[in-house]
Amino acid sequence: MNEDDQALLKLVDELDAPECLFNGRIADRLRDHAGYRAIQQLPDIDTTLAAVLVAEMGDVHRFASADRLCSWAG
């Protein structure tokens, strides 16, 4: 492995710690959010993507039906 590769790996390691901390804080804040918990039941949805979806949707009650929500989501 050359010096450039080693430098990039070191950078990735340095950025992983704050990302893990941030993801943990998001999960803690949304732990009791029913929508957040429900979205995580979908296949391949992790905590970060679930948080993004909750943030994008906002108040789920603004959708008249599940069909409307699905239509909005595309």
PDB file of N, CA and C in Angstrom:
ATOM      1  N   MET A   1       0.855  -1.176   0.000  1.00  0.00           N
ATOM      2  CA  MET A   1       0.000   0.000   0.000  1.00  0.00           C
ATOM      3  C   MET A   1       0.902   1.240   0.000  1.00  0.00           C
ATOM      4  N   ASN A   2       0.591   2.179  -0.871  1.00  0.00           N
ATOM      5  CA  ASN A   2       1.427   3.372  -0.967  1.00  0.00           C
ATOM      6  C   ASN A   2       0.986   4.441   0.047  1.00  0.00           C
ATOM      7  N   GLU A   3       1.736   5.507   0.102  1.00  0.00           N
ATOM      8  CA  GLU A   3       1.472   6.576   1.079  1.00  0.00           C
ATOM      9  C   GLU A   3       0.121   7.243   0.863  1.00  0.00           C
ATOM     10  N   ASP A   4      -0.285   7.418  -0.386  1.00  0.00           N
ATOM     11  CA  ASP A   4      -1.580   8.035  -0.678  1.00  0.00           C
ATOM     12  C   ASP A   4      -2.725   7.170  -0.147  1.00  0.00           C
ATOM     13  N   ASP A   5      -2.615   5.868  -0.361  1.00  0.00           N
ATOM     14  CA  ASP A   5      -3.647   4.958   0.136  1.00  0.00           C
ATOM     15  C   ASP A   5      -3.705   4.990   1.654  1.00  0.00           C
ATOM     16  N   GLN A   6      -2.563   5.013   2.299  1.00  0.00           N
ATOM     17  CA  GLN A   6      -2.509   5.069   3.760  1.00  0.00           C
ATOM     18  C   GLN A   6      -3.125   6.366   4.282  1.00  0.00           C
ATOM     19  N   ALA A   7      -2.850   7.465   3.590  1.00  0.00           N
ATOM     20  CA  ALA A   7      -3.413   8.747   4.002  1.00  0.00           C
ATOM     21  C   ALA A   7      -4.935   8.750   3.861  1.00  0.00           C
ATOM     22  N   LEU A   8      -5.439   8.171   2.789  1.00  0.00           N
ATOM     23  CA  LEU A   8      -6.887   8.098   2.591  1.00  0.00           C
ATOM     24  C   LEU A   8      -7.550   7.215   3.641  1.00  0.00           C
ATOM     25  N   LEU A   9      -6.930   6.099   3.963  1.00  0.00           N
ATOM     26  CA  LEU A   9      -7.480   5.222   4.993  1.00  0.00           C
ATOM     27  C   LEU A   9      -7.494   5.909   6.362  1.00  0.00           C
ATOM     28  N   LYS A  10      -6.464   6.669   6.648  1.00  0.00           N
ATOM     29  CA  LYS A  10      -6.413   7.414   7.904  1.00  0.00           C
ATOM     30  C   LYS A  10      -7.544   8.447   7.946  1.00  0.00           C
ATOM     31  N   LEU A  11      -7.781   9.119   6.842  1.00  0.00           N
ATOM     32  CA  LEU A  11      -8.853  10.109   6.763  1.00  0.00           C
ATOM     33  C   LEU A  11     -10.218   9.454   6.974  1.00  0.00           C
ATOM     34  N   VAL A  12     -10.421   8.312   6.364  1.00  0.00           N
ATOM     35  CA  VAL A  12     -11.684   7.583   6.538  1.00  0.00           C
ATOM     36  C   VAL A  12     -11.866   7.225   8.010  1.00  0.00           C
ATOM     37  N   ASP A  13     -10.822   6.747   8.646  1.00  0.00           N
ATOM     38  CA  ASP A  13     -10.901   6.413  10.068  1.00  0.00           C
ATOM     39  C   ASP A  13     -11.245   7.634  10.913  1.00  0.00           C
ATOM     40  N   GLU A  14     -10.654   8.766  10.578  1.00  0.00           N
ATOM     41  CA  GLU A  14     -10.911   9.998  11.337  1.00  0.00           C
ATOM     42  C   GLU A  14     -12.350  10.481  11.159  1.00  0.00           C
ATOM     43  N   LEU A  15     -12.927  10.248  10.005  1.00  0.00           N
ATOM     44  CA  LEU A  15     -14.302  10.687   9.749  1.00  0.00           C
ATOM     45  C   LEU A  15     -15.341   9.698  10.269  1.00  0.00           C
ATOM     46  N   ASP A  16     -14.960   8.453  10.460  1.00  0.00           N
ATOM     47  CA  ASP A  16     -15.898   7.445  10.950  1.00  0.00           C
ATOM     48  C   ASP A  16     -16.372   7.739  12.370  1.00  0.00           C
ATOM     49  N   ALA A  17     -15.495   8.203  13.226  1.00  0.00           N
ATOM     50  CA  ALA A  17     -15.867   8.437  14.629  1.00  0.00           C
ATOM     51  C   ALA A  17     -16.969   9.483  14.764  1.00  0.00           C
ATOM     52  N   PRO A  18     -16.828  10.673  14.162  1.00  0.00           N
ATOM     53  CA  PRO A  18     -17.922  11.647  14.275  1.00  0.00           C
ATOM     54  C   PRO A  18     -19.215  11.154  13.625  1.00  0.00           C
ATOM     55  N   GLU A  19     -19.096  10.403  12.540  1.00  0.00           N
ATOM     56  CA  GLU A  19     -20.295   9.874  11.885  1.00  0.00           C
ATOM     57  C   GLU A  19     -21.027   8.917  12.815  1.00  0.00           C
ATOM     58  N   CYS A  20     -20.301   8.049  13.474  1.00  0.00           N
ATOM     59  CA  CYS A  20     -20.929   7.110  14.410  1.00  0.00           C
ATOM     60  C   CYS A  20     -21.586   7.860  15.561  1.00  0.00           C
ATOM     61  N   LEU A  21     -20.914   8.878  16.070  1.00  0.00           N
ATOM     62  CA  LEU A  21     -21.477   9.690  17.146  1.00  0.00           C
ATOM     63  C   LEU A  21     -22.762  10.368  16.691  1.00  0.00           C
ATOM     64  N   PHE A  22     -22.739  10.958  15.514  1.00  0.00           N
ATOM     65  CA  PHE A  22     -23.899  11.651  14.965  1.00  0.00           C
ATOM     66  C   PHE A  22     -25.059  10.681  14.754  1.00  0.00           C
ATOM     67  N   ASN A  23     -24.780   9.510  14.182  1.00  0.00           N
ATOM     68  CA  ASN A  23     -25.824   8.511  13.967  1.00  0.00           C
ATOM     69  C   ASN A  23     -26.434   8.055  15.287  1.00  0.00           C
ATOM     70  N   GLY A  24     -25.616   7.922  16.302  1.00  0.00           N
ATOM     71  CA  GLY A  24     -26.124   7.542  17.623  1.00  0.00           C
ATOM     72  C   GLY A  24     -27.035   8.610  18.203  1.00  0.00           C
ATOM     73  N   ARG A  25     -26.677   9.864  18.023  1.00  0.00           N
ATOM     74  CA  ARG A  25     -27.519  10.960  18.517  1.00  0.00           C
ATOM     75  C   ARG A  25     -28.862  11.002  17.799  1.00  0.00           C
ATOM     76  N   ILE A  26     -28.835  10.781  16.499  1.00  0.00           N
ATOM     77  CA  ILE A  26     -30.087  10.742  15.731  1.00  0.00           C
ATOM     78  C   ILE A  26     -30.973   9.621  16.255  1.00  0.00           C
ATOM     79  N   ALA A  27     -30.404   8.443  16.404  1.00  0.00           N
ATOM     80  CA  ALA A  27     -31.178   7.292  16.880  1.00  0.00           C
ATOM     81  C   ALA A  27     -31.755   7.556  18.264  1.00  0.00           C
ATOM     82  N   ASP A  28     -30.982   8.196  19.138  1.00  0.00           N
ATOM     83  CA  ASP A  28     -31.471   8.521  20.483  1.00  0.00           C
ATOM     84  C   ASP A  28     -32.652   9.485  20.428  1.00  0.00           C
ATOM     85  N   ARG A  29     -32.548  10.499  19.589  1.00  0.00           N
ATOM     86  CA  ARG A  29     -33.627  11.496  19.499  1.00  0.00           C
ATOM     87  C   ARG A  29     -34.903  10.929  18.910  1.00  0.00           C
ATOM     88  N   LEU A  30     -34.773   9.984  17.996  1.00  0.00           N
ATOM     89  CA  LEU A  30     -35.945   9.453  17.306  1.00  0.00           C
ATOM     90  C   LEU A  30     -36.423   8.108  17.876  1.00  0.00           C
ATOM     91  N   ARG A  31     -35.794   7.656  18.935  1.00  0.00           N
ATOM     92  CA  ARG A  31     -36.107   6.345  19.501  1.00  0.00           C
ATOM     93  C   ARG A  31     -37.600   6.142  19.751  1.00  0.00           C
ATOM     94  N   ASP A  32     -38.284   7.161  20.245  1.00  0.00           N
ATOM     95  CA  ASP A  32     -39.702   7.048  20.586  1.00  0.00           C
ATOM     96  C   ASP A  32     -40.631   7.504  19.459  1.00  0.00           C
ATOM     97  N   HIS A  33     -40.083   7.832  18.314  1.00  0.00           N
ATOM     98  CA  HIS A  33     -40.888   8.287  17.175  1.00  0.00           C
ATOM     99  C   HIS A  33     -41.475   7.062  16.476  1.00  0.00           C
ATOM    100  N   ALA A  34     -42.799   6.958  16.475  1.00  0.00           N
ATOM    101  CA  ALA A  34     -43.467   5.779  15.917  1.00  0.00           C
ATOM    102  C   ALA A  34     -43.134   5.576  14.436  1.00  0.00           C
ATOM    103  N   GLY A  35     -43.106   6.660  13.678  1.00  0.00           N
ATOM    104  CA  GLY A  35     -42.785   6.549  12.258  1.00  0.00           C
ATOM    105  C   GLY A  35     -41.368   6.057  12.019  1.00  0.00           C
ATOM    106  N   TYR A  36     -40.454   6.540  12.813  1.00  0.00           N
ATOM    107  CA  TYR A  36     -39.050   6.123  12.714  1.00  0.00           C
ATOM    108  C   TYR A  36     -38.919   4.627  12.973  1.00  0.00           C
ATOM    109  N   ARG A  37     -39.596   4.156  14.008  1.00  0.00           N
ATOM    110  CA  ARG A  37     -39.548   2.723  14.327  1.00  0.00           C
ATOM    111  C   ARG A  37     -40.218   1.902  13.222  1.00  0.00           C
ATOM    112  N   ALA A  38     -41.335   2.396  12.699  1.00  0.00           N
ATOM    113  CA  ALA A  38     -42.057   1.660  11.659  1.00  0.00           C
ATOM    114  C   ALA A  38     -41.237   1.558  10.378  1.00  0.00           C
ATOM    115  N   ILE A  39     -40.613   2.652   9.983  1.00  0.00           N
ATOM    116  CA  ILE A  39     -39.828   2.667   8.747  1.00  0.00           C
ATOM    117  C   ILE A  39     -38.658   1.690   8.830  1.00  0.00           C
ATOM    118  N   GLN A  40     -38.099   1.523  10.015  1.00  0.00           N
ATOM    119  CA  GLN A  40     -36.975   0.599  10.167  1.00  0.00           C
ATOM    120  C   GLN A  40     -37.375  -0.854   9.971  1.00  0.00           C
ATOM    121  N   GLN A  41     -38.657  -1.136   9.981  1.00  0.00           N
ATOM    122  CA  GLN A  41     -39.118  -2.511   9.753  1.00  0.00           C
ATOM    123  C   GLN A  41     -39.042  -2.893   8.280  1.00  0.00           C
ATOM    124  N   LEU A  42     -38.893  -1.907   7.414  1.00  0.00           N
ATOM    125  CA  LEU A  42     -38.782  -2.177   5.980  1.00  0.00           C
ATOM    126  C   LEU A  42     -37.415  -2.780   5.673  1.00  0.00           C
ATOM    127  N   PRO A  43     -37.343  -3.678   4.712  1.00  0.00           N
ATOM    128  CA  PRO A  43     -36.051  -4.274   4.355  1.00  0.00           C
ATOM    129  C   PRO A  43     -35.039  -3.215   3.913  1.00  0.00           C
ATOM    130  N   ASP A  44     -33.815  -3.377   4.354  1.00  0.00           N
ATOM    131  CA  ASP A  44     -32.679  -2.544   3.938  1.00  0.00           C
ATOM    132  C   ASP A  44     -32.748  -1.099   4.412  1.00  0.00           C
ATOM    133  N   ILE A  45     -33.600  -0.788   5.380  1.00  0.00           N
ATOM    134  CA  ILE A  45     -33.669   0.563   5.931  1.00  0.00           C
ATOM    135  C   ILE A  45     -32.911   0.583   7.250  1.00  0.00           C
ATOM    136  N   ASP A  46     -31.798   1.316   7.280  1.00  0.00           N
ATOM    137  CA  ASP A  46     -31.032   1.434   8.510  1.00  0.00           C
ATOM    138  C   ASP A  46     -31.455   2.693   9.268  1.00  0.00           C
ATOM    139  N   THR A  47     -30.808   2.940  10.391  1.00  0.00           N
ATOM    140  CA  THR A  47     -31.207   4.073  11.234  1.00  0.00           C
ATOM    141  C   THR A  47     -31.043   5.411  10.521  1.00  0.00           C
ATOM    142  N   THR A  48     -29.995   5.548   9.741  1.00  0.00           N
ATOM    143  CA  THR A  48     -29.754   6.818   9.055  1.00  0.00           C
ATOM    144  C   THR A  48     -30.802   7.072   7.977  1.00  0.00           C
ATOM    145  N   LEU A  49     -31.076   6.086   7.153  1.00  0.00           N
ATOM    146  CA  LEU A  49     -32.070   6.257   6.104  1.00  0.00           C
ATOM    147  C   LEU A  49     -33.458   6.468   6.711  1.00  0.00           C
ATOM    148  N   ALA A  50     -33.764   5.772   7.786  1.00  0.00           N
ATOM    149  CA  ALA A  50     -35.051   5.973   8.459  1.00  0.00           C
ATOM    150  C   ALA A  50     -35.180   7.413   8.940  1.00  0.00           C
ATOM    151  N   ALA A  51     -34.106   7.973   9.484  1.00  0.00           N
ATOM    152  CA  ALA A  51     -34.136   9.368   9.948  1.00  0.00           C
ATOM    153  C   ALA A  51     -34.339  10.327   8.787  1.00  0.00           C
ATOM    154  N   VAL A  52     -33.691  10.059   7.677  1.00  0.00           N
ATOM    155  CA  VAL A  52     -33.851  10.908   6.489  1.00  0.00           C
ATOM    156  C   VAL A  52     -35.296  10.868   6.008  1.00  0.00           C
ATOM    157  N   LEU A  53     -35.870   9.690   5.954  1.00  0.00           N
ATOM    158  CA  LEU A  53     -37.252   9.560   5.497  1.00  0.00           C
ATOM    159  C   LEU A  53     -38.222  10.277   6.430  1.00  0.00           C
ATOM    160  N   VAL A  54     -38.022  10.147   7.728  1.00  0.00           N
ATOM    161  CA  VAL A  54     -38.873  10.844   8.697  1.00  0.00           C
ATOM    162  C   VAL A  54     -38.755  12.349   8.504  1.00  0.00           C
ATOM    163  N   ALA A  55     -37.550  12.833   8.328  1.00  0.00           N
ATOM    164  CA  ALA A  55     -37.344  14.273   8.128  1.00  0.00           C
ATOM    165  C   ALA A  55     -37.989  14.758   6.832  1.00  0.00           C
ATOM    166  N   GLU A  56     -37.870  13.980   5.784  1.00  0.00           N
ATOM    167  CA  GLU A  56     -38.451  14.367   4.500  1.00  0.00           C
ATOM    168  C   GLU A  56     -39.977  14.361   4.535  1.00  0.00           C
ATOM    169  N   MET A  57     -40.550  13.354   5.178  1.00  0.00           N
ATOM    170  CA  MET A  57     -42.017  13.237   5.233  1.00  0.00           C
ATOM    171  C   MET A  57     -42.652  14.301   6.111  1.00  0.00           C
ATOM    172  N   GLY A  58     -41.983  14.628   7.194  1.00  0.00           N
ATOM    173  CA  GLY A  58     -42.595  15.552   8.142  1.00  0.00           C
ATOM    174  C   GLY A  58     -43.756  14.866   8.847  1.00  0.00           C
ATOM    175  N   ASP A  59     -44.840  15.599   9.049  1.00  0.00           N
ATOM    176  CA  ASP A  59     -46.009  15.052   9.724  1.00  0.00           C
ATOM    177  C   ASP A  59     -46.749  14.123   8.768  1.00  0.00           C
ATOM    178  N   VAL A  60     -46.717  12.843   9.073  1.00  0.00           N
ATOM    179  CA  VAL A  60     -47.320  11.842   8.188  1.00  0.00           C
ATOM    180  C   VAL A  60     -48.826  12.040   8.063  1.00  0.00           C
ATOM    181  N   HIS A  61     -49.433  12.714   9.025  1.00  0.00           N
ATOM    182  CA  HIS A  61     -50.881  12.936   8.992  1.00  0.00           C
ATOM    183  C   HIS A  61     -51.304  13.918   7.900  1.00  0.00           C
ATOM    184  N   ARG A  62     -50.350  14.561   7.279  1.00  0.00           N
ATOM    185  CA  ARG A  62     -50.700  15.464   6.179  1.00  0.00           C
ATOM    186  C   ARG A  62     -51.104  14.701   4.921  1.00  0.00           C
ATOM    187  N   PHE A  63     -50.853  13.397   4.926  1.00  0.00           N
ATOM    188  CA  PHE A  63     -51.249  12.550   3.804  1.00  0.00           C
ATOM    189  C   PHE A  63     -52.589  11.910   4.134  1.00  0.00           C
ATOM    190  N   ALA A  64     -53.528  12.017   3.215  1.00  0.00           N
ATOM    191  CA  ALA A  64     -54.889  11.532   3.453  1.00  0.00           C
ATOM    192  C   ALA A  64     -54.961  10.015   3.564  1.00  0.00           C
ATOM    193  N   SER A  65     -54.002   9.330   2.959  1.00  0.00           N
ATOM    194  CA  SER A  65     -54.031   7.866   2.985  1.00  0.00           C
ATOM    195  C   SER A  65     -52.619   7.338   2.733  1.00  0.00           C
ATOM    196  N   ALA A  66     -52.467   6.043   2.948  1.00  0.00           N
ATOM    197  CA  ALA A  66     -51.184   5.401   2.653  1.00  0.00           C
ATOM    198  C   ALA A  66     -50.861   5.515   1.164  1.00  0.00           C
ATOM    199  N   ASP A  67     -51.906   5.459   0.329  1.00  0.00           N
ATOM    200  CA  ASP A  67     -51.693   5.608  -1.113  1.00  0.00           C
ATOM    201  C   ASP A  67     -51.108   6.985  -1.450  1.00  0.00           C
ATOM    202  N   ARG A  68     -51.593   8.005  -0.762  1.00  0.00           N
ATOM    203  CA  ARG A  68     -51.072   9.361  -1.005  1.00  0.00           C
ATOM    204  C   ARG A  68     -49.613   9.467  -0.594  1.00  0.00           C
ATOM    205  N   LEU A  69     -49.283   8.863   0.538  1.00  0.00           N
ATOM    206  CA  LEU A  69     -47.890   8.852   0.996  1.00  0.00           C
ATOM    207  C   LEU A  69     -47.012   8.132  -0.018  1.00  0.00           C
ATOM    208  N   CYS A  70     -47.463   6.994  -0.486  1.00  0.00           N
ATOM    209  CA  CYS A  70     -46.685   6.239  -1.483  1.00  0.00           C
ATOM    210  C   CYS A  70     -46.541   7.023  -2.776  1.00  0.00           C
ATOM    211  N   SER A  71     -47.583   7.729  -3.160  1.00  0.00           N
ATOM    212  CA  SER A  71     -47.519   8.548  -4.366  1.00  0.00           C
ATOM    213  C   SER A  71     -46.501   9.665  -4.201  1.00  0.00           C
ATOM    214  N   TRP A  72     -46.505  10.301  -3.042  1.00  0.00           N
ATOM    215  CA  TRP A  72     -45.537  11.352  -2.763  1.00  0.00           C
ATOM    216  C   TRP A  72     -44.116  10.799  -2.798  1.00  0.00           C
ATOM    217  N   ALA A  73     -43.940   9.610  -2.240  1.00  0.00           N
ATOM    218  CA  ALA A  73     -42.607   9.003  -2.161  1.00  0.00           C
ATOM    219  C   ALA A  73     -42.115   8.526  -3.520  1.00  0.00           C
ATOM    220  N   GLY A  74     -43.055   8.341  -4.437  1.00  0.00           N
ATOM    221  CA  GLY A  74     -42.656   7.914  -5.780  1.00  0.00           C
ATOM    222  C   GLY A  74     -42.451   6.439  -5.844  1.00  0.00           C
TER     223      GLY A  74
END
